[in-house]
Full PDB file with SEQRES, HELIX, SHEET, SSBOND, CRYST1, ORIGX, SCALE, CONECT and MASTER records, all heavy atoms in Angstrom:
SEQRES   1 A   40  SER PRO ARG HIS LYS SER GLY ILE ALA LEU ARG PHE PRO          
SEQRES   2 A   40  ARG ILE LEU ARG TRP ARG ARG ASP LYS PRO ALA THR GLU          
SEQRES   3 A   40  ILE ASP THR LEU GLU THR LEU ARG ALA LEU LEU SER GLN          
SEQRES   4 A   40  ARG                                                          
HELIX    1 AA1 ALA A   24  GLU A   26  5                                   3    
HELIX    2 AA2 LEU A   30  GLN A   39  1                                  10    
CRYST1    1.000    1.000    1.000  90.00  90.00  90.00 P 1           1          
ORIGX1      1.000000  0.000000  0.000000        0.00000                         
ORIGX2      0.000000  1.000000  0.000000        0.00000                         
ORIGX3      0.000000  0.000000  1.000000        0.00000                         
SCALE1      1.000000  0.000000  0.000000        0.00000                         
SCALE2      0.000000  1.000000  0.000000        0.00000                         
SCALE3      0.000000  0.000000  1.000000        0.00000                         
ATOM      1  N   SER A   1       0.829  -1.197   0.000  1.00  0.00           N  
ATOM      2  CA  SER A   1       0.000   0.000   0.000  1.00  0.00           C  
ATOM      3  C   SER A   1       0.866   1.250   0.000  1.00  0.00           C  
ATOM      4  O   SER A   1       1.590   1.507   0.960  1.00  0.00           O  
ATOM      5  CB  SER A   1      -0.910   0.033   1.223  1.00  0.00           C  
ATOM      6  OG  SER A   1      -1.586   1.272   1.297  1.00  0.00           O  
ATOM      7  N   PRO A   2       0.777   2.041  -1.053  1.00  0.00           N  
ATOM      8  CA  PRO A   2       1.519   3.309  -1.073  1.00  0.00           C  
ATOM      9  C   PRO A   2       0.899   4.359  -0.147  1.00  0.00           C  
ATOM     10  O   PRO A   2       1.518   5.367   0.148  1.00  0.00           O  
ATOM     11  CB  PRO A   2       1.441   3.743  -2.541  1.00  0.00           C  
ATOM     12  CG  PRO A   2       0.206   3.097  -3.061  1.00  0.00           C  
ATOM     13  CD  PRO A   2       0.070   1.800  -2.307  1.00  0.00           C  
ATOM     14  N   ARG A   3      -0.307   4.126   0.344  1.00  0.00           N  
ATOM     15  CA  ARG A   3      -0.996   5.085   1.216  1.00  0.00           C  
ATOM     16  C   ARG A   3      -0.542   5.005   2.670  1.00  0.00           C  
ATOM     17  O   ARG A   3      -0.777   5.925   3.440  1.00  0.00           O  
ATOM     18  CB  ARG A   3      -2.509   4.844   1.157  1.00  0.00           C  
ATOM     19  CG  ARG A   3      -3.110   5.158  -0.190  1.00  0.00           C  
ATOM     20  CD  ARG A   3      -4.598   4.910  -0.210  1.00  0.00           C  
ATOM     21  NE  ARG A   3      -5.250   5.570   0.909  1.00  0.00           N  
ATOM     22  CZ  ARG A   3      -6.421   5.211   1.401  1.00  0.00           C  
ATOM     23  NH1 ARG A   3      -7.062   4.180   0.889  1.00  0.00           N  
ATOM     24  NH2 ARG A   3      -6.950   5.857   2.410  1.00  0.00           N  
ATOM     25  N   HIS A   4       0.062   3.909   3.068  1.00  0.00           N  
ATOM     26  CA  HIS A   4       0.460   3.719   4.455  1.00  0.00           C  
ATOM     27  C   HIS A   4       1.972   3.887   4.605  1.00  0.00           C  
ATOM     28  O   HIS A   4       2.735   3.449   3.742  1.00  0.00           O  
ATOM     29  CB  HIS A   4       0.045   2.321   4.943  1.00  0.00           C  
ATOM     30  CG  HIS A   4      -1.425   2.125   4.965  1.00  0.00           C  
ATOM     31  ND1 HIS A   4      -2.147   1.781   3.848  1.00  0.00           N  
ATOM     32  CD2 HIS A   4      -2.322   2.252   5.968  1.00  0.00           C  
ATOM     33  CE1 HIS A   4      -3.423   1.683   4.166  1.00  0.00           C  
ATOM     34  NE2 HIS A   4      -3.559   1.971   5.443  1.00  0.00           N  
ATOM     35  N   LYS A   5       2.396   4.499   5.703  1.00  0.00           N  
ATOM     36  CA  LYS A   5       3.832   4.715   5.944  1.00  0.00           C  
ATOM     37  C   LYS A   5       4.610   3.411   5.920  1.00  0.00           C  
ATOM     38  O   LYS A   5       5.738   3.352   5.473  1.00  0.00           O  
ATOM     39  CB  LYS A   5       4.052   5.394   7.292  1.00  0.00           C  
ATOM     40  CG  LYS A   5       3.719   6.856   7.301  1.00  0.00           C  
ATOM     41  CD  LYS A   5       4.069   7.451   8.658  1.00  0.00           C  
ATOM     42  CE  LYS A   5       3.718   8.902   8.716  1.00  0.00           C  
ATOM     43  NZ  LYS A   5       4.069   9.503  10.003  1.00  0.00           N  
ATOM     44  N   SER A   6       4.000   2.349   6.409  1.00  0.00           N  
ATOM     45  CA  SER A   6       4.676   1.045   6.451  1.00  0.00           C  
ATOM     46  C   SER A   6       4.815   0.426   5.069  1.00  0.00           C  
ATOM     47  O   SER A   6       5.623  -0.477   4.871  1.00  0.00           O  
ATOM     48  CB  SER A   6       3.888   0.082   7.340  1.00  0.00           C  
ATOM     49  OG  SER A   6       2.624  -0.189   6.747  1.00  0.00           O  
ATOM     50  N   GLY A   7       3.990   0.894   4.111  1.00  0.00           N  
ATOM     51  CA  GLY A   7       3.984   0.300   2.781  1.00  0.00           C  
ATOM     52  C   GLY A   7       3.140  -0.964   2.713  1.00  0.00           C  
ATOM     53  O   GLY A   7       3.131  -1.668   1.705  1.00  0.00           O  
ATOM     54  N   ILE A   8       2.405  -1.259   3.794  1.00  0.00           N  
ATOM     55  CA  ILE A   8       1.620  -2.489   3.900  1.00  0.00           C  
ATOM     56  C   ILE A   8       0.216  -2.160   4.400  1.00  0.00           C  
ATOM     57  O   ILE A   8       0.041  -1.341   5.295  1.00  0.00           O  
ATOM     58  CB  ILE A   8       2.287  -3.483   4.871  1.00  0.00           C  
ATOM     59  CG1 ILE A   8       3.669  -3.883   4.349  1.00  0.00           C  
ATOM     60  CG2 ILE A   8       1.423  -4.712   5.095  1.00  0.00           C  
ATOM     61  CD1 ILE A   8       4.491  -4.662   5.340  1.00  0.00           C  
ATOM     62  N   ALA A   9      -0.780  -2.821   3.837  1.00  0.00           N  
ATOM     63  CA  ALA A   9      -2.151  -2.704   4.320  1.00  0.00           C  
ATOM     64  C   ALA A   9      -2.670  -4.093   4.686  1.00  0.00           C  
ATOM     65  O   ALA A   9      -2.420  -5.066   3.974  1.00  0.00           O  
ATOM     66  CB  ALA A   9      -3.054  -2.100   3.248  1.00  0.00           C  
ATOM     67  N   LEU A  10      -3.349  -4.173   5.811  1.00  0.00           N  
ATOM     68  CA  LEU A  10      -3.973  -5.423   6.240  1.00  0.00           C  
ATOM     69  C   LEU A  10      -5.458  -5.349   5.936  1.00  0.00           C  
ATOM     70  O   LEU A  10      -6.101  -4.342   6.182  1.00  0.00           O  
ATOM     71  CB  LEU A  10      -3.770  -5.645   7.744  1.00  0.00           C  
ATOM     72  CG  LEU A  10      -2.331  -5.696   8.222  1.00  0.00           C  
ATOM     73  CD1 LEU A  10      -2.293  -5.878   9.739  1.00  0.00           C  
ATOM     74  CD2 LEU A  10      -1.567  -6.807   7.537  1.00  0.00           C  
ATOM     75  N   ARG A  11      -6.019  -6.443   5.430  1.00  0.00           N  
ATOM     76  CA  ARG A  11      -7.443  -6.493   5.121  1.00  0.00           C  
ATOM     77  C   ARG A  11      -8.186  -7.014   6.345  1.00  0.00           C  
ATOM     78  O   ARG A  11      -7.881  -8.080   6.857  1.00  0.00           O  
ATOM     79  CB  ARG A  11      -7.661  -7.416   3.920  1.00  0.00           C  
ATOM     80  CG  ARG A  11      -9.079  -7.502   3.479  1.00  0.00           C  
ATOM     81  CD  ARG A  11      -9.157  -8.366   2.220  1.00  0.00           C  
ATOM     82  NE  ARG A  11     -10.500  -8.736   1.948  1.00  0.00           N  
ATOM     83  CZ  ARG A  11     -11.317  -8.081   1.128  1.00  0.00           C  
ATOM     84  NH1 ARG A  11     -10.866  -7.015   0.502  1.00  0.00           N  
ATOM     85  NH2 ARG A  11     -12.543  -8.491   0.935  1.00  0.00           N  
ATOM     86  N   PHE A  12      -9.150  -6.249   6.815  1.00  0.00           N  
ATOM     87  CA  PHE A  12      -9.977  -6.573   7.976  1.00  0.00           C  
ATOM     88  C   PHE A  12      -9.147  -6.905   9.226  1.00  0.00           C  
ATOM     89  O   PHE A  12      -9.311  -7.961   9.826  1.00  0.00           O  
ATOM     90  CB  PHE A  12     -10.943  -7.718   7.661  1.00  0.00           C  
ATOM     91  CG  PHE A  12     -11.858  -7.427   6.520  1.00  0.00           C  
ATOM     92  CD1 PHE A  12     -11.798  -8.184   5.362  1.00  0.00           C  
ATOM     93  CD2 PHE A  12     -12.767  -6.396   6.586  1.00  0.00           C  
ATOM     94  CE1 PHE A  12     -12.642  -7.922   4.291  1.00  0.00           C  
ATOM     95  CE2 PHE A  12     -13.623  -6.114   5.514  1.00  0.00           C  
ATOM     96  CZ  PHE A  12     -13.555  -6.881   4.370  1.00  0.00           C  
ATOM     97  N   PRO A  13      -8.250  -5.974   9.629  1.00  0.00           N  
ATOM     98  CA  PRO A  13      -7.462  -6.247  10.842  1.00  0.00           C  
ATOM     99  C   PRO A  13      -8.332  -6.144  12.092  1.00  0.00           C  
ATOM    100  O   PRO A  13      -9.302  -5.381  12.123  1.00  0.00           O  
ATOM    101  CB  PRO A  13      -6.406  -5.144  10.826  1.00  0.00           C  
ATOM    102  CG  PRO A  13      -7.070  -4.014  10.104  1.00  0.00           C  
ATOM    103  CD  PRO A  13      -7.948  -4.672   9.063  1.00  0.00           C  
ATOM    104  N   ARG A  14      -8.002  -6.938  13.101  1.00  0.00           N  
ATOM    105  CA  ARG A  14      -8.730  -6.876  14.369  1.00  0.00           C  
ATOM    106  C   ARG A  14      -7.826  -7.371  15.493  1.00  0.00           C  
ATOM    107  O   ARG A  14      -6.925  -8.180  15.280  1.00  0.00           O  
ATOM    108  CB  ARG A  14     -10.014  -7.688  14.320  1.00  0.00           C  
ATOM    109  CG  ARG A  14      -9.788  -9.149  14.004  1.00  0.00           C  
ATOM    110  CD  ARG A  14     -11.024  -9.779  13.380  1.00  0.00           C  
ATOM    111  NE  ARG A  14     -10.769 -11.125  12.921  1.00  0.00           N  
ATOM    112  CZ  ARG A  14     -10.273 -11.451  11.737  1.00  0.00           C  
ATOM    113  NH1 ARG A  14      -9.932 -10.514  10.883  1.00  0.00           N  
ATOM    114  NH2 ARG A  14     -10.106 -12.703  11.395  1.00  0.00           N  
ATOM    115  N   ILE A  15      -8.089  -6.853  16.671  1.00  0.00           N  
ATOM    116  CA  ILE A  15      -7.346  -7.280  17.853  1.00  0.00           C  
ATOM    117  C   ILE A  15      -7.994  -8.553  18.377  1.00  0.00           C  
ATOM    118  O   ILE A  15      -9.198  -8.585  18.642  1.00  0.00           O  
ATOM    119  CB  ILE A  15      -7.358  -6.191  18.934  1.00  0.00           C  
ATOM    120  CG1 ILE A  15      -6.603  -4.951  18.443  1.00  0.00           C  
ATOM    121  CG2 ILE A  15      -6.745  -6.710  20.236  1.00  0.00           C  
ATOM    122  CD1 ILE A  15      -6.681  -3.760  19.392  1.00  0.00           C  
ATOM    123  N   LEU A  16      -7.203  -9.613  18.512  1.00  0.00           N  
ATOM    124  CA  LEU A  16      -7.709 -10.858  19.080  1.00  0.00           C  
ATOM    125  C   LEU A  16      -7.637 -10.843  20.596  1.00  0.00           C  
ATOM    126  O   LEU A  16      -8.547 -11.281  21.280  1.00  0.00           O  
ATOM    127  CB  LEU A  16      -6.917 -12.059  18.557  1.00  0.00           C  
ATOM    128  CG  LEU A  16      -7.114 -12.437  17.109  1.00  0.00           C  
ATOM    129  CD1 LEU A  16      -6.288 -13.670  16.777  1.00  0.00           C  
ATOM    130  CD2 LEU A  16      -8.579 -12.694  16.815  1.00  0.00           C  
ATOM    131  N   ARG A  17      -6.494 -10.387  21.110  1.00  0.00           N  
ATOM    132  CA  ARG A  17      -6.346 -10.330  22.567  1.00  0.00           C  
ATOM    133  C   ARG A  17      -5.191  -9.420  22.947  1.00  0.00           C  
ATOM    134  O   ARG A  17      -4.268  -9.193  22.179  1.00  0.00           O  
ATOM    135  CB  ARG A  17      -6.175 -11.711  23.155  1.00  0.00           C  
ATOM    136  CG  ARG A  17      -4.806 -12.325  22.914  1.00  0.00           C  
ATOM    137  CD  ARG A  17      -4.716 -13.747  23.405  1.00  0.00           C  
ATOM    138  NE  ARG A  17      -4.542 -14.544  22.204  1.00  0.00           N  
ATOM    139  CZ  ARG A  17      -5.031 -15.732  22.004  1.00  0.00           C  
ATOM    140  NH1 ARG A  17      -5.723 -16.319  22.930  1.00  0.00           N  
ATOM    141  NH2 ARG A  17      -4.827 -16.370  20.884  1.00  0.00           N  
ATOM    142  N   TRP A  18      -5.276  -8.921  24.143  1.00  0.00           N  
ATOM    143  CA  TRP A  18      -4.224  -8.126  24.757  1.00  0.00           C  
ATOM    144  C   TRP A  18      -3.265  -9.111  25.399  1.00  0.00           C  
ATOM    145  O   TRP A  18      -3.649  -9.895  26.265  1.00  0.00           O  
ATOM    146  CB  TRP A  18      -4.847  -7.216  25.794  1.00  0.00           C  
ATOM    147  CG  TRP A  18      -3.928  -6.249  26.469  1.00  0.00           C  
ATOM    148  CD1 TRP A  18      -2.582  -6.095  26.288  1.00  0.00           C  
ATOM    149  CD2 TRP A  18      -4.305  -5.284  27.450  1.00  0.00           C  
ATOM    150  NE1 TRP A  18      -2.104  -5.102  27.094  1.00  0.00           N  
ATOM    151  CE2 TRP A  18      -3.141  -4.584  27.824  1.00  0.00           C  
ATOM    152  CE3 TRP A  18      -5.501  -4.947  28.053  1.00  0.00           C  
ATOM    153  CZ2 TRP A  18      -3.152  -3.577  28.766  1.00  0.00           C  
ATOM    154  CZ3 TRP A  18      -5.506  -3.944  28.991  1.00  0.00           C  
ATOM    155  CH2 TRP A  18      -4.347  -3.261  29.336  1.00  0.00           C  
ATOM    156  N   ARG A  19      -2.019  -9.100  24.977  1.00  0.00           N  
ATOM    157  CA  ARG A  19      -1.020 -10.055  25.463  1.00  0.00           C  
ATOM    158  C   ARG A  19      -0.246  -9.451  26.628  1.00  0.00           C  
ATOM    159  O   ARG A  19       0.881  -9.010  26.486  1.00  0.00           O  
ATOM    160  CB  ARG A  19      -0.094 -10.467  24.327  1.00  0.00           C  
ATOM    161  CG  ARG A  19      -0.763 -11.219  23.204  1.00  0.00           C  
ATOM    162  CD  ARG A  19      -1.354 -12.546  23.677  1.00  0.00           C  
ATOM    163  NE  ARG A  19      -0.398 -13.387  24.344  1.00  0.00           N  
ATOM    164  CZ  ARG A  19       0.281 -14.374  23.752  1.00  0.00           C  
ATOM    165  NH1 ARG A  19       0.066 -14.651  22.490  1.00  0.00           N  
ATOM    166  NH2 ARG A  19       1.152 -15.087  24.442  1.00  0.00           N  
ATOM    167  N   ARG A  20      -0.856  -9.442  27.789  1.00  0.00           N  
ATOM    168  CA  ARG A  20      -0.197  -8.908  28.993  1.00  0.00           C  
ATOM    169  C   ARG A  20       0.999  -9.775  29.390  1.00  0.00           C  
ATOM    170  O   ARG A  20       1.861  -9.321  30.129  1.00  0.00           O  
ATOM    171  CB  ARG A  20      -1.194  -8.852  30.145  1.00  0.00           C  
ATOM    172  CG  ARG A  20      -2.347  -7.910  29.893  1.00  0.00           C  
ATOM    173  CD  ARG A  20      -3.338  -8.032  31.031  1.00  0.00           C  
ATOM    174  NE  ARG A  20      -4.597  -7.406  30.719  1.00  0.00           N  
ATOM    175  CZ  ARG A  20      -5.076  -6.359  31.365  1.00  0.00           C  
ATOM    176  NH1 ARG A  20      -4.417  -5.815  32.347  1.00  0.00           N  
ATOM    177  NH2 ARG A  20      -6.244  -5.858  31.022  1.00  0.00           N  
ATOM    178  N   ASP A  21       1.020 -11.009  28.899  1.00  0.00           N  
ATOM    179  CA  ASP A  21       2.113 -11.931  29.235  1.00  0.00           C  
ATOM    180  C   ASP A  21       3.355 -11.735  28.367  1.00  0.00           C  
ATOM    181  O   ASP A  21       4.374 -12.369  28.600  1.00  0.00           O  
ATOM    182  CB  ASP A  21       1.627 -13.377  29.102  1.00  0.00           C  
ATOM    183  CG  ASP A  21       1.182 -13.712  27.685  1.00  0.00           C  
ATOM    184  OD1 ASP A  21       0.554 -12.855  27.029  1.00  0.00           O  
ATOM    185  OD2 ASP A  21       1.450 -14.830  27.227  1.00  0.00           O  
ATOM    186  N   LYS A  22       3.278 -10.871  27.357  1.00  0.00           N  
ATOM    187  CA  LYS A  22       4.394 -10.677  26.427  1.00  0.00           C  
ATOM    188  C   LYS A  22       4.978  -9.278  26.560  1.00  0.00           C  
ATOM    189  O   LYS A  22       4.255  -8.293  26.510  1.00  0.00           O  
ATOM    190  CB  LYS A  22       3.925 -10.845  24.975  1.00  0.00           C  
ATOM    191  CG  LYS A  22       3.470 -12.228  24.610  1.00  0.00           C  
ATOM    192  CD  LYS A  22       4.645 -13.112  24.387  1.00  0.00           C  
ATOM    193  CE  LYS A  22       4.188 -14.488  23.919  1.00  0.00           C  
ATOM    194  NZ  LYS A  22       5.313 -15.370  23.747  1.00  0.00           N  
ATOM    195  N   PRO A  23       6.297  -9.175  26.673  1.00  0.00           N  
ATOM    196  CA  PRO A  23       6.921  -7.849  26.666  1.00  0.00           C  
ATOM    197  C   PRO A  23       7.043  -7.339  25.225  1.00  0.00           C  
ATOM    198  O   PRO A  23       7.065  -8.124  24.277  1.00  0.00           O  
ATOM    199  CB  PRO A  23       8.300  -8.097  27.273  1.00  0.00           C  
ATOM    200  CG  PRO A  23       8.596  -9.528  26.950  1.00  0.00           C  
ATOM    201  CD  PRO A  23       7.259 -10.235  26.952  1.00  0.00           C  
ATOM    202  N   ALA A  24       7.137  -6.051  25.077  1.00  0.00           N  
ATOM    203  CA  ALA A  24       7.250  -5.449  23.745  1.00  0.00           C  
ATOM    204  C   ALA A  24       8.504  -5.918  23.010  1.00  0.00           C  
ATOM    205  O   ALA A  24       8.548  -5.889  21.781  1.00  0.00           O  
ATOM    206  CB  ALA A  24       7.230  -3.933  23.858  1.00  0.00           C  
ATOM    207  N   THR A  25       9.498  -6.397  23.736  1.00  0.00           N  
ATOM    208  CA  THR A  25      10.728  -6.880  23.096  1.00  0.00           C  
ATOM    209  C   THR A  25      10.502  -8.170  22.302  1.00  0.00           C  
ATOM    210  O   THR A  25      11.352  -8.553  21.501  1.00  0.00           O  
ATOM    211  CB  THR A  25      11.827  -7.122  24.148  1.00  0.00           C  
ATOM    212  OG1 THR A  25      11.341  -8.021  25.140  1.00  0.00           O  
ATOM    213  CG2 THR A  25      12.258  -5.823  24.791  1.00  0.00           C  
ATOM    214  N   GLU A  26       9.361  -8.827  22.494  1.00  0.00           N  
ATOM    215  CA  GLU A  26       9.082 -10.091  21.807  1.00  0.00           C  
ATOM    216  C   GLU A  26       8.104  -9.953  20.634  1.00  0.00           C  
ATOM    217  O   GLU A  26       7.665 -10.954  20.083  1.00  0.00           O  
ATOM    218  CB  GLU A  26       8.519 -11.108  22.794  1.00  0.00           C  
ATOM    219  CG  GLU A  26       9.509 -11.561  23.828  1.00  0.00           C  
ATOM    220  CD  GLU A  26       8.944 -12.631  24.750  1.00  0.00           C  
ATOM    221  OE1 GLU A  26       7.890 -13.224  24.439  1.00  0.00           O  
ATOM    222  OE2 GLU A  26       9.567 -12.867  25.802  1.00  0.00           O  
ATOM    223  N   ILE A  27       7.797  -8.735  20.226  1.00  0.00           N  
ATOM    224  CA  ILE A  27       6.812  -8.551  19.163  1.00  0.00           C  
ATOM    225  C   ILE A  27       7.380  -8.909  17.792  1.00  0.00           C  
ATOM    226  O   ILE A  27       8.594  -8.903  17.579  1.00  0.00           O  
ATOM    227  CB  ILE A  27       6.275  -7.111  19.127  1.00  0.00           C  
ATOM    228  CG1 ILE A  27       7.404  -6.118  18.792  1.00  0.00           C  
ATOM    229  CG2 ILE A  27       5.576  -6.756  20.410  1.00  0.00           C  
ATOM    230  CD1 ILE A  27       6.926  -4.740  18.424  1.00  0.00           C  
ATOM    231  N   ASP A  28       6.474  -9.203  16.856  1.00  0.00           N  
ATOM    232  CA  ASP A  28       6.873  -9.312  15.458  1.00  0.00           C  
ATOM    233  C   ASP A  28       7.062  -7.902  14.925  1.00  0.00           C  
ATOM    234  O   ASP A  28       6.586  -6.931  15.512  1.00  0.00           O  
ATOM    235  CB  ASP A  28       5.795 -10.029  14.641  1.00  0.00           C  
ATOM    236  CG  ASP A  28       5.903 -11.534  14.756  1.00  0.00           C  
ATOM    237  OD1 ASP A  28       7.006 -12.038  14.994  1.00  0.00           O  
ATOM    238  OD2 ASP A  28       4.871 -12.199  14.602  1.00  0.00           O  
ATOM    239  N   THR A  29       7.727  -7.787  13.803  1.00  0.00           N  
ATOM    240  CA  THR A  29       8.062  -6.480  13.239  1.00  0.00           C  
ATOM    241  C   THR A  29       7.517  -6.358  11.817  1.00  0.00           C  
ATOM    242  O   THR A  29       6.943  -7.310  11.268  1.00  0.00           O  
ATOM    243  CB  THR A  29       9.589  -6.306  13.209  1.00  0.00           C  
ATOM    244  OG1 THR A  29      10.138  -7.314  12.348  1.00  0.00           O  
ATOM    245  CG2 THR A  29      10.195  -6.429  14.611  1.00  0.00           C  
ATOM    246  N   LEU A  30       7.743  -5.200  11.233  1.00  0.00           N  
ATOM    247  CA  LEU A  30       7.344  -5.008   9.835  1.00  0.00           C  
ATOM    248  C   LEU A  30       8.059  -6.005   8.926  1.00  0.00           C  
ATOM    249  O   LEU A  30       7.511  -6.402   7.900  1.00  0.00           O  
ATOM    250  CB  LEU A  30       7.653  -3.581   9.378  1.00  0.00           C  
ATOM    251  CG  LEU A  30       6.692  -2.519   9.864  1.00  0.00           C  
ATOM    252  CD1 LEU A  30       7.209  -1.130   9.504  1.00  0.00           C  
ATOM    253  CD2 LEU A  30       5.310  -2.741   9.268  1.00  0.00           C  
ATOM    254  N   GLU A  31       9.244  -6.430   9.303  1.00  0.00           N  
ATOM    255  CA  GLU A  31       9.962  -7.418   8.496  1.00  0.00           C  
ATOM    256  C   GLU A  31       9.166  -8.721   8.415  1.00  0.00           C  
ATOM    257  O   GLU A  31       9.156  -9.380   7.372  1.00  0.00           O  
ATOM    258  CB  GLU A  31      11.362  -7.668   9.060  1.00  0.00           C  
ATOM    259  CG  GLU A  31      12.349  -6.550   8.794  1.00  0.00           C  
ATOM    260  CD  GLU A  31      12.062  -5.266   9.586  1.00  0.00           C  
ATOM    261  OE1 GLU A  31      11.582  -5.360  10.734  1.00  0.00           O  
ATOM    262  OE2 GLU A  31      12.304  -4.189   9.042  1.00  0.00           O  
ATOM    263  N   THR A  32       8.508  -9.098   9.489  1.00  0.00           N  
ATOM    264  CA  THR A  32       7.662 -10.302   9.478  1.00  0.00           C  
ATOM    265  C   THR A  32       6.521 -10.128   8.487  1.00  0.00           C  
ATOM    266  O   THR A  32       6.226 -11.039   7.708  1.00  0.00           O  
ATOM    267  CB  THR A  32       7.091 -10.578  10.885  1.00  0.00           C  
ATOM    268  OG1 THR A  32       8.169 -10.707  11.805  1.00  0.00           O  
ATOM    269  CG2 THR A  32       6.254 -11.842  10.891  1.00  0.00           C  
ATOM    270  N   LEU A  33       5.893  -8.951   8.496  1.00  0.00           N  
ATOM    271  CA  LEU A  33       4.809  -8.697   7.538  1.00  0.00           C  
ATOM    272  C   LEU A  33       5.321  -8.666   6.104  1.00  0.00           C  
ATOM    273  O   LEU A  33       4.659  -9.179   5.196  1.00  0.00           O  
ATOM    274  CB  LEU A  33       4.100  -7.372   7.860  1.00  0.00           C  
ATOM    275  CG  LEU A  33       3.184  -7.392   9.074  1.00  0.00           C  
ATOM    276  CD1 LEU A  33       2.628  -5.994   9.327  1.00  0.00           C  
ATOM    277  CD2 LEU A  33       2.066  -8.379   8.884  1.00  0.00           C  
ATOM    278  N   ARG A  34       6.487  -8.084   5.919  1.00  0.00           N  
ATOM    279  CA  ARG A  34       7.063  -8.059   4.556  1.00  0.00           C  
ATOM    280  C   ARG A  34       7.354  -9.478   4.064  1.00  0.00           C  
ATOM    281  O   ARG A  34       7.172  -9.796   2.886  1.00  0.00           O  
ATOM    282  CB  ARG A  34       8.312  -7.196   4.534  1.00  0.00           C  
ATOM    283  CG  ARG A  34       7.989  -5.711   4.656  1.00  0.00           C  
ATOM    284  CD  ARG A  34       9.224  -4.837   4.497  1.00  0.00           C  
ATOM    285  NE  ARG A  34       8.844  -3.461   4.714  1.00  0.00           N  
ATOM    286  CZ  ARG A  34       9.157  -2.747   5.791  1.00  0.00           C  
ATOM    287  NH1 ARG A  34       9.900  -3.265   6.750  1.00  0.00           N  
ATOM    288  NH2 ARG A  34       8.763  -1.495   5.894  1.00  0.00           N  
ATOM    289  N   ALA A  35       7.794 -10.343   4.963  1.00  0.00           N  
ATOM    290  CA  ALA A  35       8.034 -11.745   4.588  1.00  0.00           C  
ATOM    291  C   ALA A  35       6.724 -12.418   4.204  1.00  0.00           C  
ATOM    292  O   ALA A  35       6.667 -13.170   3.223  1.00  0.00           O  
ATOM    293  CB  ALA A  35       8.715 -12.492   5.735  1.00  0.00           C  
ATOM    294  N   LEU A  36       5.658 -12.158   4.964  1.00  0.00           N  
ATOM    295  CA  LEU A  36       4.336 -12.702   4.604  1.00  0.00           C  
ATOM    296  C   LEU A  36       3.903 -12.198   3.237  1.00  0.00           C  
ATOM    297  O   LEU A  36       3.370 -12.936   2.420  1.00  0.00           O  
ATOM    298  CB  LEU A  36       3.289 -12.312   5.644  1.00  0.00           C  
ATOM    299  CG  LEU A  36       3.314 -13.037   6.974  1.00  0.00           C  
ATOM    300  CD1 LEU A  36       2.334 -12.378   7.942  1.00  0.00           C  
ATOM    301  CD2 LEU A  36       2.963 -14.487   6.782  1.00  0.00           C  
ATOM    302  N   LEU A  37       4.128 -10.925   3.003  1.00  0.00           N  
ATOM    303  CA  LEU A  37       3.761 -10.324   1.729  1.00  0.00           C  
ATOM    304  C   LEU A  37       4.530 -10.937   0.564  1.00  0.00           C  
ATOM    305  O   LEU A  37       3.952 -11.233  -0.480  1.00  0.00           O  
ATOM    306  CB  LEU A  37       4.014  -8.820   1.795  1.00  0.00           C  
ATOM    307  CG  LEU A  37       3.490  -7.939   0.685  1.00  0.00           C  
ATOM    308  CD1 LEU A  37       1.992  -8.117   0.502  1.00  0.00           C  
ATOM    309  CD2 LEU A  37       3.811  -6.493   0.969  1.00  0.00           C  
ATOM    310  N   SER A  38       5.796 -11.200   0.771  1.00  0.00           N  
ATOM    311  CA  SER A  38       6.596 -11.786  -0.308  1.00  0.00           C  
ATOM    312  C   SER A  38       6.220 -13.245  -0.574  1.00  0.00           C  
ATOM    313  O   SER A  38       6.411 -13.743  -1.684  1.00  0.00           O  
ATOM    314  CB  SER A  38       8.095 -11.671   0.004  1.00  0.00           C  
ATOM    315  OG  SER A  38       8.441 -12.503   1.080  1.00  0.00           O  
ATOM    316  N   GLN A  39       5.660 -13.938   0.412  1.00  0.00           N  
ATOM    317  CA  GLN A  39       5.223 -15.332   0.234  1.00  0.00           C  
ATOM    318  C   GLN A  39       3.934 -15.437  -0.578  1.00  0.00           C  
ATOM    319  O   GLN A  39       3.625 -16.495  -1.102  1.00  0.00           O  
ATOM    320  CB  GLN A  39       4.993 -15.995   1.592  1.00  0.00           C  
ATOM    321  CG  GLN A  39       6.262 -16.245   2.365  1.00  0.00           C  
ATOM    322  CD  GLN A  39       5.986 -16.759   3.757  1.00  0.00           C  
ATOM    323  OE1 GLN A  39       4.850 -17.057   4.109  1.00  0.00           O  
ATOM    324  NE2 GLN A  39       7.018 -16.854   4.567  1.00  0.00           N  
ATOM    325  N   ARG A  40       3.200 -14.326  -0.661  1.00  0.00           N  
ATOM    326  CA  ARG A  40       1.944 -14.323  -1.420  1.00  0.00           C  
ATOM    327  C   ARG A  40       2.180 -14.662  -2.883  1.00  0.00           C  
ATOM    328  O   ARG A  40       1.316 -15.167  -3.553  1.00  0.00           O  
ATOM    329  CB  ARG A  40       1.284 -12.962  -1.351  1.00  0.00           C  
ATOM    330  CG  ARG A  40       0.520 -12.694  -0.139  1.00  0.00           C  
ATOM    331  CD  ARG A  40      -0.195 -11.389  -0.274  1.00  0.00           C  
ATOM    332  NE  ARG A  40      -0.200 -10.986  -1.677  1.00  0.00           N  
ATOM    333  CZ  ARG A  40      -0.798  -9.936  -2.161  1.00  0.00           C  
ATOM    334  NH1 ARG A  40      -1.427  -9.144  -1.382  1.00  0.00           N  
ATOM    335  NH2 ARG A  40      -0.756  -9.626  -3.428  1.00  0.00           N  
TER     336      ARG A  40                                                      
MASTER        0    0    0    2    0    0    0    6  335    1    0    4          
END                                                                             
């Protein structure tokens, strides 16, 4: 998506749950999304 700063748009995004058990240091990154995008 050229409209988003990340260059990526998600179709019908939604929050499944708040992960209070996970620190922010363990999150996935834009690189993970770019890898998903390249697998398409």
